[in-house]
Amino acid sequence: MDNHQRRSSVRRASAFLDAIERRDTNRRAGTGEILLFWHHDPSRIAAYEAVDTSGTGARLRTDSPLPEGMTGVAVGFRPGDVSIERTVMVVWSRAIRDGEGHVTHHEAGIRYL
């Protein structure tokens, strides 16, 4: 069954991702939050600060490390309430340390599949 609202949402997400294609321009820094759920816990939507984004993925700021290879679905982006609905995979994760060597937060790279 064809759903006009779903097609419109997919077009907006596609336009959003095309607008941030990193091969055409640099990654966009500090752009908002990515909302997603992980396949191991599909009932919980998590919001992560997007440090930068591109058409192929994003770098997220997290409170704890995300395991490499973990998969989920990016469902939206805010501000703007853009629907993404793309499968993602964590491709790297690292601790970010201050000048004294203490971990201040973590970052993770996700790739849209």
C-alpha atoms as a PDB file:
ATOM      1  CA  MET A   1       0.000   0.000   0.000  1.00  0.00           C
ATOM      2  CA  ASP A   2       1.355   3.402  -1.007  1.00  0.00           C
ATOM      3  CA  ASN A   3       1.424   6.072   1.670  1.00  0.00           C
ATOM      4  CA  HIS A   4       1.740   9.731   0.591  1.00  0.00           C
ATOM      5  CA  GLN A   5       2.858  10.878   4.058  1.00  0.00           C
ATOM      6  CA  ARG A   6       5.614   8.218   4.144  1.00  0.00           C
ATOM      7  CA  ARG A   7       6.841   9.197   0.631  1.00  0.00           C
ATOM      8  CA  SER A   8       6.942  12.856   1.704  1.00  0.00           C
ATOM      9  CA  SER A   9       8.920  11.961   4.827  1.00  0.00           C
ATOM     10  CA  VAL A  10      11.427   9.910   2.820  1.00  0.00           C
ATOM     11  CA  ARG A  11      11.857  12.779   0.326  1.00  0.00           C
ATOM     12  CA  ARG A  12      12.571  15.236   3.180  1.00  0.00           C
ATOM     13  CA  ALA A  13      15.123  12.850   4.699  1.00  0.00           C
ATOM     14  CA  SER A  14      16.770  12.331   1.321  1.00  0.00           C
ATOM     15  CA  ALA A  15      16.948  16.089   0.723  1.00  0.00           C
ATOM     16  CA  PHE A  16      18.410  16.564   4.202  1.00  0.00           C
ATOM     17  CA  LEU A  17      21.093  13.921   3.645  1.00  0.00           C
ATOM     18  CA  ASP A  18      21.909  15.221   0.153  1.00  0.00           C
ATOM     19  CA  ALA A  19      22.305  18.728   1.568  1.00  0.00           C
ATOM     20  CA  ILE A  20      25.075  17.501   3.867  1.00  0.00           C
ATOM     21  CA  GLU A  21      26.950  15.273   1.404  1.00  0.00           C
ATOM     22  CA  ARG A  22      30.550  15.568   2.567  1.00  0.00           C
ATOM     23  CA  ARG A  23      32.127  14.891  -0.829  1.00  0.00           C
ATOM     24  CA  ASP A  24      30.558  18.098  -2.144  1.00  0.00           C
ATOM     25  CA  THR A  25      31.143  20.152   1.000  1.00  0.00           C
ATOM     26  CA  ASN A  26      32.844  19.691   4.335  1.00  0.00           C
ATOM     27  CA  ARG A  27      31.068  17.927   7.125  1.00  0.00           C
ATOM     28  CA  ARG A  28      28.560  20.120   8.913  1.00  0.00           C
ATOM     29  CA  ALA A  29      29.608  20.737  12.516  1.00  0.00           C
ATOM     30  CA  GLY A  30      27.360  21.016  15.553  1.00  0.00           C
ATOM     31  CA  THR A  31      24.147  20.514  13.667  1.00  0.00           C
ATOM     32  CA  GLY A  32      21.769  19.040  16.284  1.00  0.00           C
ATOM     33  CA  GLU A  33      20.674  15.640  17.553  1.00  0.00           C
ATOM     34  CA  ILE A  34      20.203  12.299  15.857  1.00  0.00           C
ATOM     35  CA  LEU A  35      17.428  10.125  17.253  1.00  0.00           C
ATOM     36  CA  LEU A  36      17.869   6.383  16.900  1.00  0.00           C
ATOM     37  CA  PHE A  37      17.092   3.023  18.379  1.00  0.00           C
ATOM     38  CA  TRP A  38      19.504   0.135  18.638  1.00  0.00           C
ATOM     39  CA  HIS A  39      18.459  -3.288  17.361  1.00  0.00           C
ATOM     40  CA  HIS A  40      19.146  -4.845  20.784  1.00  0.00           C
ATOM     41  CA  ASP A  41      16.625  -2.422  22.391  1.00  0.00           C
ATOM     42  CA  PRO A  42      14.080  -1.309  19.762  1.00  0.00           C
ATOM     43  CA  SER A  43      11.620   0.026  22.349  1.00  0.00           C
ATOM     44  CA  ARG A  44      13.959   2.852  23.460  1.00  0.00           C
ATOM     45  CA  ILE A  45      14.733   5.916  21.340  1.00  0.00           C
ATOM     46  CA  ALA A  46      18.088   7.510  22.197  1.00  0.00           C
ATOM     47  CA  ALA A  47      19.152  11.066  21.314  1.00  0.00           C
ATOM     48  CA  TYR A  48      22.822  11.763  20.572  1.00  0.00           C
ATOM     49  CA  GLU A  49      24.490  15.081  19.892  1.00  0.00           C
ATOM     50  CA  ALA A  50      25.698  15.137  16.297  1.00  0.00           C
ATOM     51  CA  VAL A  51      29.202  16.626  16.401  1.00  0.00           C
ATOM     52  CA  ASP A  52      29.219  16.599  12.615  1.00  0.00           C
ATOM     53  CA  THR A  53      27.181  14.949   9.875  1.00  0.00           C
ATOM     54  CA  SER A  54      27.461  13.973   6.244  1.00  0.00           C
ATOM     55  CA  GLY A  55      25.367  12.119   3.719  1.00  0.00           C
ATOM     56  CA  THR A  56      27.042   8.849   4.697  1.00  0.00           C
ATOM     57  CA  GLY A  57      27.090   9.078   8.477  1.00  0.00           C
ATOM     58  CA  ALA A  58      27.726  11.140  11.571  1.00  0.00           C
ATOM     59  CA  ARG A  59      30.066  11.606  14.515  1.00  0.00           C
ATOM     60  CA  LEU A  60      28.162  11.397  17.789  1.00  0.00           C
ATOM     61  CA  ARG A  61      29.030  12.616  21.270  1.00  0.00           C
ATOM     62  CA  THR A  62      28.114  10.013  23.896  1.00  0.00           C
ATOM     63  CA  ASP A  63      28.372   9.518  27.654  1.00  0.00           C
ATOM     64  CA  SER A  64      29.735   5.988  27.275  1.00  0.00           C
ATOM     65  CA  PRO A  65      31.457   4.021  24.503  1.00  0.00           C
ATOM     66  CA  LEU A  66      29.327   2.439  21.790  1.00  0.00           C
ATOM     67  CA  PRO A  67      30.473  -1.034  20.675  1.00  0.00           C
ATOM     68  CA  GLU A  68      31.846  -1.163  17.134  1.00  0.00           C
ATOM     69  CA  GLY A  69      29.555  -3.158  14.869  1.00  0.00           C
ATOM     70  CA  MET A  70      26.401  -2.343  16.852  1.00  0.00           C
ATOM     71  CA  THR A  71      23.463  -1.661  14.527  1.00  0.00           C
ATOM     72  CA  GLY A  72      20.266   0.311  14.786  1.00  0.00           C
ATOM     73  CA  VAL A  73      17.990   2.675  12.916  1.00  0.00           C
ATOM     74  CA  ALA A  74      18.362   6.457  12.766  1.00  0.00           C
ATOM     75  CA  VAL A  75      14.765   7.599  12.899  1.00  0.00           C
ATOM     76  CA  GLY A  76      15.095  11.362  12.975  1.00  0.00           C
ATOM     77  CA  PHE A  77      17.120  14.503  13.248  1.00  0.00           C
ATOM     78  CA  ARG A  78      16.358  17.648  15.176  1.00  0.00           C
ATOM     79  CA  PRO A  79      15.998  20.556  15.067  1.00  0.00           C
ATOM     80  CA  GLY A  80      13.603  20.403  12.185  1.00  0.00           C
ATOM     81  CA  ASP A  81      12.082  17.032  13.056  1.00  0.00           C
ATOM     82  CA  VAL A  82      13.507  15.478   9.877  1.00  0.00           C
ATOM     83  CA  SER A  83      12.660  11.804   9.439  1.00  0.00           C
ATOM     84  CA  ILE A  84      15.736   9.757   8.427  1.00  0.00           C
ATOM     85  CA  GLU A  85      14.748   6.076   8.836  1.00  0.00           C
ATOM     86  CA  ARG A  86      18.127   4.649   7.780  1.00  0.00           C
ATOM     87  CA  THR A  87      19.919   1.634   9.213  1.00  0.00           C
ATOM     88  CA  VAL A  88      23.181   2.606  10.916  1.00  0.00           C
ATOM     89  CA  MET A  89      26.261   0.823  12.206  1.00  0.00           C
ATOM     90  CA  VAL A  90      28.866   2.021  14.703  1.00  0.00           C
ATOM     91  CA  VAL A  91      32.159   1.961  12.787  1.00  0.00           C
ATOM     92  CA  TRP A  92      34.419   3.442  15.475  1.00  0.00           C
ATOM     93  CA  SER A  93      34.270   4.620  19.077  1.00  0.00           C
ATOM     94  CA  ARG A  94      36.833   6.396  21.273  1.00  0.00           C
ATOM     95  CA  ALA A  95      37.271   8.159  24.597  1.00  0.00           C
ATOM     96  CA  ILE A  96      37.953  11.897  24.532  1.00  0.00           C
ATOM     97  CA  ARG A  97      40.376  13.038  27.226  1.00  0.00           C
ATOM     98  CA  ASP A  98      41.196  16.405  28.745  1.00  0.00           C
ATOM     99  CA  GLY A  99      44.715  17.793  29.138  1.00  0.00           C
ATOM    100  CA  GLU A 100      45.257  15.721  32.295  1.00  0.00           C
ATOM    101  CA  GLY A 101      44.238  12.453  30.634  1.00  0.00           C
ATOM    102  CA  HIS A 102      40.785  12.136  32.225  1.00  0.00           C
ATOM    103  CA  VAL A 103      37.960  10.926  30.004  1.00  0.00           C
ATOM    104  CA  THR A 104      35.483  13.783  29.498  1.00  0.00           C
ATOM    105  CA  HIS A 105      33.139  12.012  27.066  1.00  0.00           C
ATOM    106  CA  HIS A 106      33.126   9.557  24.178  1.00  0.00           C
ATOM    107  CA  GLU A 107      32.629   9.926  20.442  1.00  0.00           C
ATOM    108  CA  ALA A 108      31.399   7.360  17.957  1.00  0.00           C
ATOM    109  CA  GLY A 109      31.175   7.289  14.182  1.00  0.00           C
ATOM    110  CA  ILE A 110      28.037   5.852  12.640  1.00  0.00           C
ATOM    111  CA  ARG A 111      27.605   4.979   8.982  1.00  0.00           C
ATOM    112  CA  TYR A 112      24.280   4.943   7.176  1.00  0.00           C
ATOM    113  CA  LEU A 113      23.779   1.576   5.459  1.00  0.00           C
END
